[in-house]
Amino acid sequence: MRIKDFQKLIAERYQKRDRKRGTPKTFMWFVEEVGELATALADEKTTKKQKEEEFADILAWLCTLANINDVDIEKACLDKYHKKQPKGFK
């Protein structure tokens, strides 16, 4: 799945509610998820599956923020990083 496809999936499922919540509150949810990932990474007892779920949550909330701010994450990443690859990098 491409990033744009995942972002679209998140929009289809949650965009109406997310836009109503707005950017400031949505950003707080995103930060909470980052905190949960930090806790998972710091705890040696955290399973790989639990870490994967936290990474997925962060990506979903990042897509939500992008959606309600009309940002295409895939395009933004390609515009910023693809053209700036070090020489010899493929």
N, C-alpha and C. Protein backbone atom coordinates (compact mmCIF):
# COMPACT_ATOMS: atom_id res chain seq x y z
N MET A 1 0.85 -1.17 0.00
CA MET A 1 0.00 0.00 0.00
C MET A 1 0.89 1.24 0.00
N ARG A 2 0.57 2.18 -0.83
CA ARG A 2 1.30 3.44 -0.87
C ARG A 2 0.80 4.35 0.25
N ILE A 3 1.61 5.32 0.59
CA ILE A 3 1.22 6.27 1.64
C ILE A 3 -0.07 6.97 1.26
N LYS A 4 -0.21 7.38 0.01
CA LYS A 4 -1.42 8.08 -0.42
C LYS A 4 -2.65 7.20 -0.25
N ASP A 5 -2.51 5.89 -0.46
CA ASP A 5 -3.64 4.97 -0.30
C ASP A 5 -4.04 4.87 1.18
N PHE A 6 -3.04 4.81 2.05
CA PHE A 6 -3.35 4.75 3.48
C PHE A 6 -3.98 6.05 3.95
N GLN A 7 -3.46 7.17 3.47
CA GLN A 7 -4.03 8.46 3.85
C GLN A 7 -5.49 8.55 3.38
N LYS A 8 -5.76 8.04 2.20
CA LYS A 8 -7.14 8.04 1.69
C LYS A 8 -8.03 7.13 2.54
N LEU A 9 -7.54 5.97 2.94
CA LEU A 9 -8.29 5.05 3.79
C LEU A 9 -8.67 5.72 5.11
N ILE A 10 -7.70 6.41 5.71
CA ILE A 10 -7.97 7.12 6.96
C ILE A 10 -9.01 8.22 6.74
N ALA A 11 -8.90 8.93 5.63
CA ALA A 11 -9.87 9.98 5.33
C ALA A 11 -11.27 9.42 5.17
N GLU A 12 -11.38 8.32 4.44
CA GLU A 12 -12.69 7.72 4.22
C GLU A 12 -13.34 7.28 5.52
N ARG A 13 -12.55 6.80 6.45
CA ARG A 13 -13.09 6.30 7.71
C ARG A 13 -13.37 7.39 8.74
N TYR A 14 -12.50 8.41 8.79
CA TYR A 14 -12.53 9.32 9.94
C TYR A 14 -12.61 10.81 9.63
N GLN A 15 -12.50 11.21 8.36
CA GLN A 15 -12.32 12.63 8.06
C GLN A 15 -13.43 13.54 8.60
N LYS A 16 -14.67 13.13 8.49
CA LYS A 16 -15.76 14.00 8.94
C LYS A 16 -15.60 14.32 10.43
N ARG A 17 -15.37 13.30 11.22
CA ARG A 17 -15.19 13.48 12.67
C ARG A 17 -13.89 14.25 12.96
N ASP A 18 -12.84 13.94 12.20
CA ASP A 18 -11.55 14.59 12.43
C ASP A 18 -11.61 16.08 12.12
N ARG A 19 -12.23 16.46 11.03
CA ARG A 19 -12.35 17.89 10.70
C ARG A 19 -13.14 18.63 11.77
N LYS A 20 -14.16 17.96 12.29
CA LYS A 20 -14.96 18.58 13.35
C LYS A 20 -14.12 18.80 14.61
N ARG A 21 -13.25 17.86 14.93
CA ARG A 21 -12.39 17.96 16.10
C ARG A 21 -11.38 19.09 15.93
N GLY A 22 -10.86 19.25 14.72
CA GLY A 22 -9.93 20.32 14.42
C GLY A 22 -8.47 19.96 14.68
N THR A 23 -7.61 20.81 14.19
CA THR A 23 -6.17 20.55 14.26
C THR A 23 -5.61 20.53 15.69
N PRO A 24 -5.91 21.52 16.53
CA PRO A 24 -5.28 21.51 17.86
C PRO A 24 -5.58 20.24 18.67
N LYS A 25 -6.83 19.83 18.70
CA LYS A 25 -7.18 18.62 19.47
C LYS A 25 -6.63 17.36 18.80
N THR A 26 -6.65 17.34 17.49
CA THR A 26 -6.11 16.18 16.78
C THR A 26 -4.61 16.08 17.02
N PHE A 27 -3.92 17.20 17.03
CA PHE A 27 -2.49 17.18 17.30
C PHE A 27 -2.21 16.63 18.70
N MET A 28 -3.06 16.94 19.66
CA MET A 28 -2.88 16.40 21.01
C MET A 28 -3.01 14.88 21.01
N TRP A 29 -3.95 14.34 20.23
CA TRP A 29 -4.08 12.88 20.11
C TRP A 29 -2.81 12.30 19.50
N PHE A 30 -2.28 12.97 18.47
CA PHE A 30 -1.05 12.52 17.83
C PHE A 30 0.10 12.48 18.83
N VAL A 31 0.24 13.53 19.62
CA VAL A 31 1.31 13.59 20.61
C VAL A 31 1.15 12.49 21.65
N GLU A 32 -0.07 12.21 22.04
CA GLU A 32 -0.32 11.11 22.99
C GLU A 32 0.17 9.79 22.41
N GLU A 33 -0.09 9.57 21.12
CA GLU A 33 0.37 8.34 20.47
C GLU A 33 1.90 8.28 20.41
N VAL A 34 2.53 9.41 20.17
CA VAL A 34 4.00 9.44 20.18
C VAL A 34 4.51 9.05 21.57
N GLY A 35 3.84 9.53 22.60
CA GLY A 35 4.21 9.15 23.96
C GLY A 35 4.05 7.66 24.20
N GLU A 36 2.99 7.08 23.67
CA GLU A 36 2.79 5.64 23.83
C GLU A 36 3.89 4.85 23.11
N LEU A 37 4.32 5.35 21.95
CA LEU A 37 5.42 4.69 21.25
C LEU A 37 6.71 4.81 22.06
N ALA A 38 6.94 5.98 22.62
CA ALA A 38 8.15 6.19 23.43
C ALA A 38 8.18 5.21 24.60
N THR A 39 7.05 5.03 25.24
CA THR A 39 6.95 4.09 26.36
C THR A 39 7.21 2.67 25.88
N ALA A 40 6.62 2.31 24.75
CA ALA A 40 6.80 0.95 24.21
C ALA A 40 8.26 0.69 23.85
N LEU A 41 8.92 1.68 23.27
CA LEU A 41 10.31 1.50 22.88
C LEU A 41 11.24 1.41 24.08
N ALA A 42 10.87 2.07 25.16
CA ALA A 42 11.71 2.08 26.36
C ALA A 42 11.54 0.82 27.21
N ASP A 43 10.44 0.13 27.02
CA ASP A 43 10.13 -1.06 27.84
C ASP A 43 10.62 -2.31 27.13
N GLU A 44 11.57 -2.98 27.73
CA GLU A 44 12.14 -4.19 27.13
C GLU A 44 11.11 -5.31 26.99
N LYS A 45 10.03 -5.24 27.73
CA LYS A 45 9.00 -6.28 27.68
C LYS A 45 8.01 -6.08 26.52
N THR A 46 8.09 -4.95 25.87
CA THR A 46 7.17 -4.68 24.76
C THR A 46 7.48 -5.62 23.60
N THR A 47 6.44 -6.26 23.09
CA THR A 47 6.62 -7.18 21.97
C THR A 47 6.74 -6.40 20.65
N LYS A 48 7.26 -7.09 19.65
CA LYS A 48 7.36 -6.48 18.32
C LYS A 48 5.97 -6.09 17.83
N LYS A 49 4.98 -6.93 18.06
CA LYS A 49 3.60 -6.65 17.64
C LYS A 49 3.09 -5.36 18.29
N GLN A 50 3.35 -5.18 19.57
CA GLN A 50 2.92 -3.97 20.27
C GLN A 50 3.61 -2.73 19.68
N LYS A 51 4.89 -2.85 19.38
CA LYS A 51 5.61 -1.73 18.76
C LYS A 51 5.02 -1.41 17.39
N GLU A 52 4.74 -2.44 16.61
CA GLU A 52 4.15 -2.24 15.28
C GLU A 52 2.81 -1.49 15.39
N GLU A 53 2.01 -1.86 16.37
CA GLU A 53 0.72 -1.20 16.55
C GLU A 53 0.89 0.27 16.90
N GLU A 54 1.88 0.58 17.72
CA GLU A 54 2.13 1.99 18.08
C GLU A 54 2.61 2.79 16.87
N PHE A 55 3.50 2.19 16.07
CA PHE A 55 3.94 2.87 14.85
C PHE A 55 2.75 3.10 13.92
N ALA A 56 1.88 2.11 13.79
CA ALA A 56 0.70 2.25 12.93
C ALA A 56 -0.22 3.35 13.43
N ASP A 57 -0.41 3.42 14.74
CA ASP A 57 -1.25 4.48 15.31
C ASP A 57 -0.69 5.86 14.97
N ILE A 58 0.62 6.01 15.10
CA ILE A 58 1.23 7.30 14.80
C ILE A 58 1.04 7.67 13.34
N LEU A 59 1.24 6.71 12.44
CA LEU A 59 1.04 6.99 11.03
C LEU A 59 -0.42 7.37 10.75
N ALA A 60 -1.35 6.69 11.38
CA ALA A 60 -2.77 7.00 11.18
C ALA A 60 -3.08 8.42 11.65
N TRP A 61 -2.59 8.79 12.82
CA TRP A 61 -2.86 10.14 13.33
C TRP A 61 -2.14 11.20 12.51
N LEU A 62 -0.97 10.89 11.99
CA LEU A 62 -0.26 11.81 11.12
C LEU A 62 -1.06 12.02 9.83
N CYS A 63 -1.61 10.95 9.30
CA CYS A 63 -2.47 11.06 8.12
C CYS A 63 -3.70 11.90 8.43
N THR A 64 -4.26 11.72 9.59
CA THR A 64 -5.42 12.51 10.00
C THR A 64 -5.07 13.99 10.01
N LEU A 65 -3.95 14.33 10.63
CA LEU A 65 -3.52 15.73 10.66
C LEU A 65 -3.32 16.27 9.24
N ALA A 66 -2.70 15.47 8.40
CA ALA A 66 -2.49 15.90 7.02
C ALA A 66 -3.82 16.09 6.30
N ASN A 67 -4.74 15.16 6.49
CA ASN A 67 -6.04 15.26 5.83
C ASN A 67 -6.78 16.53 6.21
N ILE A 68 -6.84 16.83 7.48
CA ILE A 68 -7.62 18.00 7.89
C ILE A 68 -6.90 19.31 7.61
N ASN A 69 -5.64 19.20 7.18
CA ASN A 69 -4.89 20.39 6.78
C ASN A 69 -4.59 20.38 5.28
N ASP A 70 -5.27 19.49 4.56
CA ASP A 70 -5.18 19.41 3.10
C ASP A 70 -3.74 19.24 2.61
N VAL A 71 -3.02 18.32 3.24
CA VAL A 71 -1.64 18.02 2.86
C VAL A 71 -1.57 16.58 2.36
N ASP A 72 -0.99 16.39 1.20
CA ASP A 72 -0.73 15.06 0.65
C ASP A 72 0.65 14.64 1.15
N ILE A 73 0.67 13.74 2.14
CA ILE A 73 1.94 13.36 2.77
C ILE A 73 2.90 12.74 1.76
N GLU A 74 2.41 11.86 0.93
CA GLU A 74 3.30 11.21 -0.03
C GLU A 74 3.96 12.24 -0.95
N LYS A 75 3.19 13.16 -1.46
CA LYS A 75 3.73 14.21 -2.33
C LYS A 75 4.71 15.08 -1.56
N ALA A 76 4.36 15.44 -0.35
CA ALA A 76 5.25 16.28 0.46
C ALA A 76 6.59 15.60 0.70
N CYS A 77 6.55 14.31 1.01
CA CYS A 77 7.79 13.56 1.26
C CYS A 77 8.63 13.45 -0.01
N LEU A 78 7.98 13.14 -1.11
CA LEU A 78 8.72 13.05 -2.37
C LEU A 78 9.32 14.40 -2.75
N ASP A 79 8.53 15.45 -2.61
CA ASP A 79 9.04 16.79 -2.94
C ASP A 79 10.23 17.17 -2.07
N LYS A 80 10.17 16.82 -0.81
CA LYS A 80 11.24 17.24 0.10
C LYS A 80 12.46 16.33 0.04
N TYR A 81 12.26 15.02 -0.03
CA TYR A 81 13.39 14.10 0.12
C TYR A 81 13.84 13.39 -1.15
N HIS A 82 12.97 13.11 -2.06
CA HIS A 82 13.35 12.34 -3.25
C HIS A 82 14.40 13.08 -4.09
N LYS A 83 14.23 14.36 -4.22
CA LYS A 83 15.13 15.15 -5.05
C LYS A 83 16.43 15.48 -4.33
N LYS A 84 16.51 15.17 -3.06
CA LYS A 84 17.69 15.52 -2.28
C LYS A 84 18.50 14.30 -1.89
N GLN A 85 18.39 13.23 -2.67
CA GLN A 85 19.14 12.01 -2.37
C GLN A 85 20.63 12.26 -2.57
N PRO A 86 21.45 11.67 -1.71
CA PRO A 86 22.89 11.78 -1.92
C PRO A 86 23.29 11.14 -3.24
N LYS A 87 24.36 11.62 -3.83
CA LYS A 87 24.84 11.05 -5.09
C LYS A 87 25.13 9.57 -4.90
N GLY A 88 24.74 8.77 -5.86
CA GLY A 88 24.96 7.33 -5.81
C GLY A 88 23.87 6.58 -5.05
N PHE A 89 22.93 7.28 -4.42
CA PHE A 89 21.84 6.65 -3.66
C PHE A 89 20.72 6.29 -4.62
N LYS A 90 20.23 5.04 -4.52
CA LYS A 90 19.13 4.61 -5.39
C LYS A 90 18.00 4.10 -4.57
